[in-house]
Amino acid sequence: MRVGILGGGRWGQALARLVQAAGNEPYIAYQGKRPPHVLPSTDMPRLVPEACDLVLVATSAAEVRQAIVDAAPGPGNRVVVAGRGLEPATSQWLSDVVAETCPAVRTGALAGPAPVDEILNGGLCAGVIASPYAEVRSLVTAALHSSRYRVYESSDLTGVQLAGAMVPVLQSALGMAIALQGLGACLHALVLTRGLE
């Protein structure tokens, strides 16, 4: 399967590695210098939706809208946002930005505790693909699921995007709790459980 990735930064490169690990072919649209270790790539974003049914958007939240405008996915594309948070200018969920910006109706969001450095170094990670469309969930699972990256499925698009947006906040709070020497595992557990509520 050929999988399109909008964004050649570290997250786009990490997703490309996961696509390759799952036995598929990443096709990256990038700006500037060509990303390393990824053979099938293009600097023309509009070629990605033409060549790939599945398009993963691996840009920052602020860049999602422009990435979609540049690539111009059509109604036949499945577009999955792999970024976190809300669009800063509008406070919209990123999946809503995609739906508003292009005619692709089969959308989704990918979230999970998958640190880029760990993926690039061959670590084991997991993620959740959320979409109201079973076809999109199945396609993303086929594109990314492997022995090093486990993909779970959900139909709760808003809930998964909210959870994805909370990951950096929870990581920061947990990091501060760990840095407070001598307070023990109870504080770590408290921060984690309160963050999950």
N, C-alpha and C. Protein backbone atom coordinates (compact mmCIF):
# COMPACT_ATOMS: atom_id res chain seq x y z
N MET A 1 0.84 -1.17 0.00
CA MET A 1 0.00 0.00 0.00
C MET A 1 0.89 1.24 0.00
N ARG A 2 0.53 2.24 -0.77
CA ARG A 2 1.24 3.51 -0.77
C ARG A 2 0.51 4.47 0.16
N VAL A 3 1.24 5.04 1.11
CA VAL A 3 0.64 5.90 2.13
C VAL A 3 1.24 7.29 2.00
N GLY A 4 0.39 8.29 1.78
CA GLY A 4 0.84 9.67 1.66
C GLY A 4 1.03 10.31 3.02
N ILE A 5 2.08 11.11 3.14
CA ILE A 5 2.37 11.83 4.38
C ILE A 5 2.63 13.28 4.03
N LEU A 6 1.83 14.18 4.58
CA LEU A 6 2.04 15.61 4.37
C LEU A 6 2.90 16.11 5.53
N GLY A 7 4.13 16.50 5.22
CA GLY A 7 5.06 16.98 6.24
C GLY A 7 6.28 16.09 6.34
N GLY A 8 7.44 16.65 6.03
CA GLY A 8 8.68 15.88 6.06
C GLY A 8 9.53 16.13 7.27
N GLY A 9 8.94 16.70 8.32
CA GLY A 9 9.67 16.92 9.57
C GLY A 9 9.90 15.61 10.30
N ARG A 10 10.34 15.71 11.56
CA ARG A 10 10.67 14.50 12.32
C ARG A 10 9.46 13.60 12.52
N TRP A 11 8.27 14.17 12.73
CA TRP A 11 7.08 13.35 12.91
C TRP A 11 6.70 12.67 11.59
N GLY A 12 6.80 13.40 10.49
CA GLY A 12 6.53 12.79 9.19
C GLY A 12 7.50 11.66 8.89
N GLN A 13 8.77 11.87 9.23
CA GLN A 13 9.77 10.82 9.03
C GLN A 13 9.50 9.61 9.93
N ALA A 14 9.07 9.87 11.17
CA ALA A 14 8.75 8.77 12.07
C ALA A 14 7.58 7.96 11.54
N LEU A 15 6.55 8.64 11.05
CA LEU A 15 5.41 7.93 10.46
C LEU A 15 5.85 7.12 9.24
N ALA A 16 6.75 7.69 8.45
CA ALA A 16 7.26 6.96 7.29
C ALA A 16 7.96 5.68 7.71
N ARG A 17 8.71 5.72 8.81
CA ARG A 17 9.36 4.52 9.32
C ARG A 17 8.33 3.47 9.73
N LEU A 18 7.24 3.93 10.37
CA LEU A 18 6.19 3.00 10.79
C LEU A 18 5.48 2.40 9.58
N VAL A 19 5.26 3.21 8.55
CA VAL A 19 4.65 2.71 7.32
C VAL A 19 5.53 1.63 6.71
N GLN A 20 6.84 1.88 6.68
CA GLN A 20 7.78 0.90 6.13
C GLN A 20 7.81 -0.37 6.99
N ALA A 21 7.78 -0.20 8.32
CA ALA A 21 7.81 -1.36 9.21
C ALA A 21 6.58 -2.24 9.02
N ALA A 22 5.47 -1.63 8.59
CA ALA A 22 4.25 -2.39 8.34
C ALA A 22 4.22 -2.99 6.94
N GLY A 23 5.31 -2.83 6.19
CA GLY A 23 5.40 -3.41 4.85
C GLY A 23 4.78 -2.58 3.76
N ASN A 24 4.61 -1.28 4.03
CA ASN A 24 3.99 -0.39 3.05
C ASN A 24 4.98 0.66 2.58
N GLU A 25 4.54 1.48 1.62
CA GLU A 25 5.42 2.44 0.97
C GLU A 25 5.01 3.87 1.31
N PRO A 26 5.87 4.61 2.05
CA PRO A 26 5.54 6.00 2.35
C PRO A 26 5.84 6.92 1.18
N TYR A 27 5.01 7.89 1.00
CA TYR A 27 5.15 8.86 -0.08
C TYR A 27 5.01 10.23 0.57
N ILE A 28 6.13 10.92 0.82
CA ILE A 28 6.14 12.13 1.63
C ILE A 28 6.15 13.38 0.76
N ALA A 29 5.28 14.34 1.12
CA ALA A 29 5.36 15.68 0.56
C ALA A 29 6.11 16.54 1.58
N TYR A 30 7.15 17.20 1.15
CA TYR A 30 7.99 17.94 2.08
C TYR A 30 8.36 19.28 1.47
N GLN A 31 8.90 20.16 2.29
CA GLN A 31 9.43 21.43 1.82
C GLN A 31 10.91 21.50 2.16
N GLY A 32 11.69 22.06 1.24
CA GLY A 32 13.12 22.19 1.50
C GLY A 32 13.87 20.91 1.28
N LYS A 33 14.79 20.59 2.21
CA LYS A 33 15.67 19.44 2.06
C LYS A 33 14.90 18.13 2.15
N ARG A 34 15.26 17.20 1.29
CA ARG A 34 14.59 15.90 1.27
C ARG A 34 14.84 15.14 2.57
N PRO A 35 13.78 14.58 3.18
CA PRO A 35 13.97 13.81 4.41
C PRO A 35 14.86 12.59 4.17
N PRO A 36 15.71 12.25 5.13
CA PRO A 36 16.63 11.11 4.94
C PRO A 36 15.92 9.77 5.03
N HIS A 37 16.50 8.78 4.37
CA HIS A 37 16.09 7.38 4.50
C HIS A 37 14.68 7.08 4.00
N VAL A 38 14.11 7.96 3.21
CA VAL A 38 12.78 7.71 2.65
C VAL A 38 12.90 7.84 1.15
N LEU A 39 12.78 6.73 0.45
CA LEU A 39 13.02 6.75 -0.99
C LEU A 39 11.91 7.40 -1.80
N PRO A 40 10.65 6.94 -1.68
CA PRO A 40 9.62 7.55 -2.51
C PRO A 40 9.11 8.84 -1.87
N SER A 41 9.55 9.98 -2.38
CA SER A 41 9.15 11.26 -1.83
C SER A 41 8.92 12.25 -2.95
N THR A 42 8.26 13.34 -2.63
CA THR A 42 8.01 14.39 -3.62
C THR A 42 7.97 15.73 -2.91
N ASP A 43 8.43 16.76 -3.60
CA ASP A 43 8.31 18.10 -3.04
C ASP A 43 7.06 18.80 -3.56
N MET A 44 6.18 18.07 -4.22
CA MET A 44 4.94 18.64 -4.75
C MET A 44 3.76 18.02 -4.00
N PRO A 45 3.19 18.73 -3.02
CA PRO A 45 2.14 18.14 -2.19
C PRO A 45 0.94 17.61 -2.96
N ARG A 46 0.60 18.20 -4.10
CA ARG A 46 -0.59 17.75 -4.84
C ARG A 46 -0.43 16.35 -5.42
N LEU A 47 0.82 15.88 -5.53
CA LEU A 47 1.03 14.53 -6.05
C LEU A 47 0.66 13.46 -5.03
N VAL A 48 0.69 13.81 -3.74
CA VAL A 48 0.43 12.82 -2.70
C VAL A 48 -1.01 12.29 -2.77
N PRO A 49 -2.04 13.16 -2.75
CA PRO A 49 -3.40 12.61 -2.84
C PRO A 49 -3.69 11.94 -4.17
N GLU A 50 -2.98 12.33 -5.23
CA GLU A 50 -3.17 11.68 -6.52
C GLU A 50 -2.64 10.25 -6.50
N ALA A 51 -1.55 10.03 -5.76
CA ALA A 51 -0.90 8.72 -5.75
C ALA A 51 -1.38 7.81 -4.62
N CYS A 52 -2.03 8.38 -3.59
CA CYS A 52 -2.35 7.61 -2.39
C CYS A 52 -3.80 7.84 -1.98
N ASP A 53 -4.49 6.74 -1.65
CA ASP A 53 -5.85 6.88 -1.12
C ASP A 53 -5.83 7.39 0.32
N LEU A 54 -4.83 6.97 1.11
CA LEU A 54 -4.71 7.38 2.51
C LEU A 54 -3.66 8.48 2.61
N VAL A 55 -4.05 9.58 3.25
CA VAL A 55 -3.14 10.71 3.45
C VAL A 55 -3.06 11.01 4.95
N LEU A 56 -1.85 10.94 5.51
CA LEU A 56 -1.61 11.28 6.91
C LEU A 56 -1.06 12.70 6.97
N VAL A 57 -1.64 13.54 7.80
CA VAL A 57 -1.18 14.93 7.93
C VAL A 57 -0.28 15.01 9.15
N ALA A 58 1.02 15.18 8.91
CA ALA A 58 2.02 15.15 9.99
C ALA A 58 2.68 16.51 10.16
N THR A 59 1.86 17.54 10.26
CA THR A 59 2.38 18.89 10.48
C THR A 59 1.96 19.37 11.87
N SER A 60 2.43 20.54 12.25
CA SER A 60 1.95 21.14 13.50
C SER A 60 0.50 21.55 13.33
N ALA A 61 -0.19 21.76 14.44
CA ALA A 61 -1.60 22.15 14.38
C ALA A 61 -1.79 23.43 13.57
N ALA A 62 -0.85 24.36 13.69
CA ALA A 62 -0.96 25.63 12.98
C ALA A 62 -0.78 25.49 11.47
N GLU A 63 -0.15 24.40 11.03
CA GLU A 63 0.15 24.22 9.61
C GLU A 63 -0.81 23.28 8.89
N VAL A 64 -1.76 22.67 9.61
CA VAL A 64 -2.64 21.69 8.99
C VAL A 64 -3.45 22.30 7.85
N ARG A 65 -4.05 23.46 8.09
CA ARG A 65 -4.91 24.07 7.06
C ARG A 65 -4.14 24.32 5.77
N GLN A 66 -2.94 24.91 5.88
CA GLN A 66 -2.17 25.20 4.68
C GLN A 66 -1.71 23.92 3.99
N ALA A 67 -1.38 22.89 4.77
CA ALA A 67 -0.98 21.61 4.17
C ALA A 67 -2.11 21.01 3.35
N ILE A 68 -3.34 21.12 3.86
CA ILE A 68 -4.49 20.60 3.13
C ILE A 68 -4.76 21.43 1.88
N VAL A 69 -4.65 22.75 1.99
CA VAL A 69 -4.83 23.62 0.82
C VAL A 69 -3.81 23.28 -0.25
N ASP A 70 -2.55 23.10 0.14
CA ASP A 70 -1.48 22.81 -0.83
C ASP A 70 -1.67 21.46 -1.50
N ALA A 71 -2.10 20.45 -0.73
CA ALA A 71 -2.24 19.10 -1.28
C ALA A 71 -3.56 18.89 -2.00
N ALA A 72 -4.60 19.59 -1.56
CA ALA A 72 -5.93 19.52 -2.18
C ALA A 72 -6.45 18.10 -2.33
N PRO A 73 -6.61 17.34 -1.22
CA PRO A 73 -7.19 16.00 -1.32
C PRO A 73 -8.61 16.07 -1.87
N GLY A 74 -9.00 15.02 -2.57
CA GLY A 74 -10.33 14.98 -3.17
C GLY A 74 -11.29 14.11 -2.38
N PRO A 75 -12.52 13.98 -2.86
CA PRO A 75 -13.53 13.19 -2.16
C PRO A 75 -13.14 11.73 -1.97
N GLY A 76 -12.29 11.20 -2.85
CA GLY A 76 -11.89 9.80 -2.75
C GLY A 76 -10.78 9.53 -1.76
N ASN A 77 -10.15 10.57 -1.24
CA ASN A 77 -9.06 10.39 -0.29
C ASN A 77 -9.58 10.19 1.13
N ARG A 78 -8.84 9.39 1.90
CA ARG A 78 -9.07 9.29 3.34
C ARG A 78 -7.97 10.12 3.99
N VAL A 79 -8.35 11.13 4.76
CA VAL A 79 -7.39 12.07 5.34
C VAL A 79 -7.40 11.92 6.85
N VAL A 80 -6.24 11.59 7.41
CA VAL A 80 -6.12 11.35 8.85
C VAL A 80 -5.10 12.33 9.42
N VAL A 81 -5.53 13.11 10.40
CA VAL A 81 -4.65 14.07 11.06
C VAL A 81 -3.83 13.33 12.11
N ALA A 82 -2.51 13.48 12.02
CA ALA A 82 -1.63 12.83 12.99
C ALA A 82 -0.99 13.85 13.92
N GLY A 83 -1.55 15.06 13.94
CA GLY A 83 -1.06 16.11 14.84
C GLY A 83 -1.92 16.19 16.08
N ARG A 84 -1.52 17.06 17.00
CA ARG A 84 -2.22 17.17 18.28
C ARG A 84 -2.77 18.57 18.48
N GLY A 85 -3.85 18.63 19.25
CA GLY A 85 -4.36 19.92 19.71
C GLY A 85 -5.38 20.53 18.79
N LEU A 86 -5.61 21.82 19.00
CA LEU A 86 -6.57 22.60 18.24
C LEU A 86 -5.82 23.53 17.30
N GLU A 87 -6.49 23.95 16.23
CA GLU A 87 -5.89 24.96 15.37
C GLU A 87 -5.79 26.26 16.17
N PRO A 88 -4.59 26.84 16.33
CA PRO A 88 -4.46 28.02 17.19
C PRO A 88 -5.33 29.20 16.78
N ALA A 89 -5.49 29.44 15.48
CA ALA A 89 -6.21 30.63 15.04
C ALA A 89 -7.71 30.53 15.25
N THR A 90 -8.26 29.31 15.25
CA THR A 90 -9.72 29.14 15.29
C THR A 90 -10.22 28.31 16.46
N SER A 91 -9.32 27.63 17.16
CA SER A 91 -9.67 26.69 18.24
C SER A 91 -10.55 25.54 17.74
N GLN A 92 -10.42 25.17 16.47
CA GLN A 92 -11.16 24.04 15.90
C GLN A 92 -10.33 22.77 16.06
N TRP A 93 -11.05 21.63 16.19
CA TRP A 93 -10.37 20.35 16.12
C TRP A 93 -9.76 20.22 14.73
N LEU A 94 -8.61 19.56 14.65
CA LEU A 94 -7.91 19.47 13.38
C LEU A 94 -8.70 18.68 12.34
N SER A 95 -9.48 17.70 12.78
CA SER A 95 -10.32 16.97 11.82
C SER A 95 -11.38 17.88 11.22
N ASP A 96 -11.87 18.86 12.00
CA ASP A 96 -12.83 19.83 11.48
C ASP A 96 -12.19 20.77 10.49
N VAL A 97 -10.91 21.11 10.73
CA VAL A 97 -10.17 21.95 9.78
C VAL A 97 -10.07 21.24 8.43
N VAL A 98 -9.77 19.95 8.47
CA VAL A 98 -9.67 19.17 7.23
C VAL A 98 -11.02 19.16 6.51
N ALA A 99 -12.08 18.88 7.25
CA ALA A 99 -13.42 18.81 6.64
C ALA A 99 -13.84 20.15 6.05
N GLU A 100 -13.42 21.22 6.66
CA GLU A 100 -13.78 22.55 6.18
C GLU A 100 -12.97 22.99 4.98
N THR A 101 -11.75 22.43 4.86
CA THR A 101 -10.79 22.92 3.88
C THR A 101 -10.76 22.13 2.58
N CYS A 102 -11.27 20.89 2.58
CA CYS A 102 -11.23 20.09 1.37
C CYS A 102 -12.48 19.21 1.29
N PRO A 103 -12.75 18.63 0.12
CA PRO A 103 -13.97 17.82 -0.04
C PRO A 103 -13.85 16.38 0.46
N ALA A 104 -12.71 16.01 1.03
CA ALA A 104 -12.58 14.65 1.58
C ALA A 104 -13.51 14.52 2.78
N VAL A 105 -14.39 13.52 2.75
CA VAL A 105 -15.36 13.37 3.84
C VAL A 105 -14.97 12.25 4.80
N ARG A 106 -14.15 11.31 4.35
CA ARG A 106 -13.74 10.20 5.20
C ARG A 106 -12.45 10.58 5.92
N THR A 107 -12.62 11.16 7.12
CA THR A 107 -11.49 11.69 7.86
C THR A 107 -11.31 10.94 9.17
N GLY A 108 -10.20 11.20 9.82
CA GLY A 108 -9.93 10.59 11.12
C GLY A 108 -8.79 11.30 11.80
N ALA A 109 -8.43 10.80 12.98
CA ALA A 109 -7.32 11.37 13.75
C ALA A 109 -6.54 10.23 14.39
N LEU A 110 -5.22 10.38 14.40
CA LEU A 110 -4.32 9.41 15.01
C LEU A 110 -3.70 10.05 16.23
N ALA A 111 -3.76 9.38 17.37
CA ALA A 111 -3.18 9.91 18.60
C ALA A 111 -2.56 8.77 19.39
N GLY A 112 -1.75 9.14 20.36
CA GLY A 112 -1.16 8.12 21.22
C GLY A 112 0.18 8.52 21.76
N PRO A 113 0.65 7.81 22.75
CA PRO A 113 1.96 8.10 23.33
C PRO A 113 3.06 7.50 22.46
N ALA A 114 3.44 8.22 21.42
CA ALA A 114 4.44 7.71 20.49
C ALA A 114 5.52 8.77 20.29
N PRO A 115 6.50 8.86 21.21
CA PRO A 115 7.56 9.85 21.08
C PRO A 115 8.37 9.66 19.81
N VAL A 116 8.59 10.75 19.10
CA VAL A 116 9.28 10.70 17.82
C VAL A 116 10.66 10.06 17.94
N ASP A 117 11.43 10.48 18.95
CA ASP A 117 12.78 9.93 19.10
C ASP A 117 12.76 8.41 19.28
N GLU A 118 11.79 7.92 20.05
CA GLU A 118 11.71 6.48 20.26
C GLU A 118 11.36 5.74 18.98
N ILE A 119 10.45 6.32 18.19
CA ILE A 119 10.10 5.69 16.91
C ILE A 119 11.31 5.68 15.99
N LEU A 120 12.01 6.81 15.88
CA LEU A 120 13.16 6.90 14.98
C LEU A 120 14.30 5.98 15.42
N ASN A 121 14.34 5.66 16.71
CA ASN A 121 15.38 4.76 17.22
C ASN A 121 14.92 3.31 17.32
N GLY A 122 13.76 3.01 16.74
CA GLY A 122 13.30 1.63 16.69
C GLY A 122 12.53 1.16 17.90
N GLY A 123 12.07 2.10 18.74
CA GLY A 123 11.33 1.73 19.95
C GLY A 123 9.93 1.23 19.64
N LEU A 124 9.31 0.63 20.64
CA LEU A 124 7.95 0.10 20.52
C LEU A 124 6.96 1.16 21.00
N CYS A 125 5.91 1.39 20.24
CA CYS A 125 4.92 2.41 20.57
C CYS A 125 3.53 1.93 20.16
N ALA A 126 2.54 2.77 20.46
CA ALA A 126 1.16 2.44 20.10
C ALA A 126 0.41 3.72 19.78
N GLY A 127 -0.71 3.56 19.11
CA GLY A 127 -1.56 4.70 18.79
C GLY A 127 -2.99 4.26 18.61
N VAL A 128 -3.88 5.25 18.56
CA VAL A 128 -5.31 5.00 18.34
C VAL A 128 -5.75 5.76 17.10
N ILE A 129 -6.38 5.07 16.17
CA ILE A 129 -6.99 5.72 15.02
C ILE A 129 -8.48 5.88 15.32
N ALA A 130 -8.94 7.11 15.27
CA ALA A 130 -10.35 7.39 15.52
C ALA A 130 -10.99 7.93 14.26
N SER A 131 -12.14 7.38 13.93
CA SER A 131 -12.90 7.84 12.78
C SER A 131 -14.30 7.26 12.87
N PRO A 132 -15.30 8.01 12.42
CA PRO A 132 -16.63 7.42 12.36
C PRO A 132 -16.76 6.39 11.24
N TYR A 133 -15.74 6.29 10.40
CA TYR A 133 -15.77 5.39 9.24
C TYR A 133 -14.89 4.17 9.49
N ALA A 134 -15.51 2.99 9.51
CA ALA A 134 -14.76 1.75 9.73
C ALA A 134 -13.69 1.56 8.66
N GLU A 135 -13.98 2.00 7.44
CA GLU A 135 -13.03 1.88 6.33
C GLU A 135 -11.74 2.64 6.63
N VAL A 136 -11.87 3.83 7.19
CA VAL A 136 -10.69 4.63 7.52
C VAL A 136 -9.88 3.96 8.63
N ARG A 137 -10.58 3.47 9.64
CA ARG A 137 -9.88 2.79 10.74
C ARG A 137 -9.12 1.57 10.24
N SER A 138 -9.76 0.79 9.40
CA SER A 138 -9.12 -0.43 8.87
C SER A 138 -7.92 -0.08 7.99
N LEU A 139 -8.05 0.97 7.20
CA LEU A 139 -6.98 1.36 6.29
C LEU A 139 -5.75 1.84 7.06
N VAL A 140 -5.98 2.64 8.11
CA VAL A 140 -4.85 3.12 8.92
C VAL A 140 -4.20 1.96 9.67
N THR A 141 -5.00 1.05 10.17
CA THR A 141 -4.44 -0.13 10.85
C THR A 141 -3.56 -0.92 9.90
N ALA A 142 -4.02 -1.12 8.68
CA ALA A 142 -3.23 -1.85 7.69
C ALA A 142 -1.96 -1.07 7.32
N ALA A 143 -2.05 0.24 7.35
CA ALA A 143 -0.91 1.08 6.94
C ALA A 143 0.18 1.14 8.00
N LEU A 144 -0.18 1.05 9.29
CA LEU A 144 0.77 1.33 10.36
C LEU A 144 1.04 0.18 11.33
N HIS A 145 0.10 -0.74 11.47
CA HIS A 145 0.22 -1.79 12.50
C HIS A 145 1.36 -2.75 12.15
N SER A 146 2.24 -2.95 13.13
CA SER A 146 3.37 -3.87 12.92
C SER A 146 3.84 -4.37 14.27
N SER A 147 4.95 -5.12 14.27
CA SER A 147 5.48 -5.64 15.52
C SER A 147 6.05 -4.54 16.41
N ARG A 148 6.27 -3.35 15.85
CA ARG A 148 6.82 -2.26 16.67
C ARG A 148 5.84 -1.14 16.93
N TYR A 149 4.68 -1.16 16.27
CA TYR A 149 3.68 -0.11 16.49
C TYR A 149 2.30 -0.75 16.47
N ARG A 150 1.65 -0.75 17.62
CA ARG A 150 0.32 -1.35 17.74
C ARG A 150 -0.73 -0.27 17.51
N VAL A 151 -1.72 -0.57 16.69
CA VAL A 151 -2.79 0.38 16.39
C VAL A 151 -4.10 -0.13 16.97
N TYR A 152 -4.75 0.71 17.76
CA TYR A 152 -6.08 0.43 18.30
C TYR A 152 -7.08 1.30 17.54
N GLU A 153 -8.34 0.88 17.52
CA GLU A 153 -9.36 1.59 16.76
C GLU A 153 -10.45 2.13 17.67
N SER A 154 -10.98 3.30 17.30
CA SER A 154 -12.07 3.92 18.05
C SER A 154 -12.94 4.72 17.08
N SER A 155 -14.22 4.82 17.40
CA SER A 155 -15.12 5.65 16.60
C SER A 155 -15.30 7.04 17.24
N ASP A 156 -14.67 7.27 18.40
CA ASP A 156 -14.82 8.52 19.13
C ASP A 156 -13.78 9.54 18.66
N LEU A 157 -14.09 10.23 17.59
CA LEU A 157 -13.13 11.15 16.98
C LEU A 157 -12.79 12.31 17.91
N THR A 158 -13.78 12.91 18.52
CA THR A 158 -13.53 14.04 19.42
C THR A 158 -12.78 13.59 20.67
N GLY A 159 -13.18 12.46 21.25
CA GLY A 159 -12.53 11.98 22.47
C GLY A 159 -11.06 11.66 22.26
N VAL A 160 -10.74 11.04 21.13
CA VAL A 160 -9.34 10.70 20.85
C VAL A 160 -8.52 11.96 20.59
N GLN A 161 -9.11 12.94 19.91
CA GLN A 161 -8.38 14.20 19.69
C GLN A 161 -8.15 14.93 21.01
N LEU A 162 -9.14 14.90 21.91
CA LEU A 162 -8.98 15.51 23.22
C LEU A 162 -7.88 14.82 24.01
N ALA A 163 -7.88 13.48 23.98
CA ALA A 163 -6.84 12.72 24.68
C ALA A 163 -5.46 13.04 24.11
N GLY A 164 -5.37 13.14 22.78
CA GLY A 164 -4.10 13.48 22.15
C GLY A 164 -3.60 14.86 22.55
N ALA A 165 -4.54 15.80 22.67
CA ALA A 165 -4.16 17.16 23.07
C ALA A 165 -3.68 17.20 24.52
N MET A 166 -4.19 16.28 25.34
CA MET A 166 -3.82 16.26 26.76
C MET A 166 -2.47 15.59 27.03
N VAL A 167 -1.98 14.79 26.09
CA VAL A 167 -0.74 14.05 26.33
C VAL A 167 0.43 14.95 26.71
N PRO A 168 0.71 16.05 25.97
CA PRO A 168 1.85 16.88 26.37
C PRO A 168 1.67 17.52 27.74
N VAL A 169 0.44 17.89 28.07
CA VAL A 169 0.16 18.50 29.37
C VAL A 169 0.44 17.49 30.49
N LEU A 170 -0.07 16.28 30.31
CA LEU A 170 0.14 15.23 31.31
C LEU A 170 1.61 14.85 31.42
N GLN A 171 2.31 14.81 30.28
CA GLN A 171 3.75 14.51 30.30
C GLN A 171 4.51 15.55 31.11
N SER A 172 4.16 16.82 30.92
CA SER A 172 4.84 17.89 31.65
C SER A 172 4.59 17.78 33.15
N ALA A 173 3.32 17.57 33.53
CA ALA A 173 2.98 17.46 34.95
C ALA A 173 3.67 16.25 35.58
N LEU A 174 3.70 15.14 34.85
CA LEU A 174 4.35 13.94 35.38
C LEU A 174 5.86 14.14 35.49
N GLY A 175 6.43 14.84 34.52
CA GLY A 175 7.86 15.14 34.58
C GLY A 175 8.21 15.99 35.79
N MET A 176 7.36 16.98 36.11
CA MET A 176 7.61 17.80 37.30
C MET A 176 7.47 16.98 38.57
N ALA A 177 6.48 16.08 38.59
CA ALA A 177 6.30 15.23 39.77
C ALA A 177 7.50 14.32 39.98
N ILE A 178 8.04 13.78 38.89
CA ILE A 178 9.22 12.91 38.99
C ILE A 178 10.43 13.69 39.47
N ALA A 179 10.53 14.97 39.04
CA ALA A 179 11.67 15.80 39.42
C ALA A 179 11.66 16.18 40.90
N LEU A 180 10.49 16.14 41.52
CA LEU A 180 10.40 16.46 42.95
C LEU A 180 10.90 15.25 43.74
N GLN A 181 12.15 15.29 44.09
CA GLN A 181 12.82 14.16 44.75
C GLN A 181 12.18 13.84 46.10
N GLY A 182 12.09 12.56 46.40
CA GLY A 182 11.69 12.12 47.72
C GLY A 182 10.20 12.06 47.98
N LEU A 183 9.37 12.39 46.98
CA LEU A 183 7.93 12.38 47.21
C LEU A 183 7.29 11.04 46.84
N GLY A 184 8.05 10.15 46.23
CA GLY A 184 7.61 8.78 46.03
C GLY A 184 6.67 8.55 44.87
N ALA A 185 6.37 7.27 44.68
CA ALA A 185 5.54 6.82 43.56
C ALA A 185 4.08 7.25 43.71
N CYS A 186 3.66 7.51 44.94
CA CYS A 186 2.27 7.89 45.17
C CYS A 186 1.93 9.20 44.44
N LEU A 187 2.86 10.17 44.49
CA LEU A 187 2.62 11.44 43.79
C LEU A 187 2.53 11.21 42.29
N HIS A 188 3.40 10.35 41.77
CA HIS A 188 3.37 10.05 40.33
C HIS A 188 2.02 9.44 39.96
N ALA A 189 1.56 8.50 40.76
CA ALA A 189 0.28 7.85 40.50
C ALA A 189 -0.87 8.85 40.61
N LEU A 190 -0.79 9.77 41.57
CA LEU A 190 -1.84 10.78 41.73
C LEU A 190 -1.94 11.68 40.50
N VAL A 191 -0.78 12.16 40.02
CA VAL A 191 -0.78 13.02 38.83
C VAL A 191 -1.35 12.26 37.63
N LEU A 192 -0.94 11.02 37.47
CA LEU A 192 -1.39 10.23 36.33
C LEU A 192 -2.90 9.96 36.38
N THR A 193 -3.39 9.54 37.52
CA THR A 193 -4.82 9.22 37.62
C THR A 193 -5.69 10.46 37.53
N ARG A 194 -5.25 11.58 38.13
CA ARG A 194 -6.02 12.81 38.01
C ARG A 194 -6.04 13.30 36.56
N GLY A 195 -4.92 13.09 35.88
CA GLY A 195 -4.86 13.50 34.48
C GLY A 195 -5.77 12.69 33.59
N LEU A 196 -6.04 11.46 33.97
CA LEU A 196 -6.90 10.58 33.17
C LEU A 196 -8.37 10.80 33.43
N GLU A 197 -8.72 11.51 34.50
CA GLU A 197 -10.13 11.70 34.85
C GLU A 197 -10.82 12.71 33.94
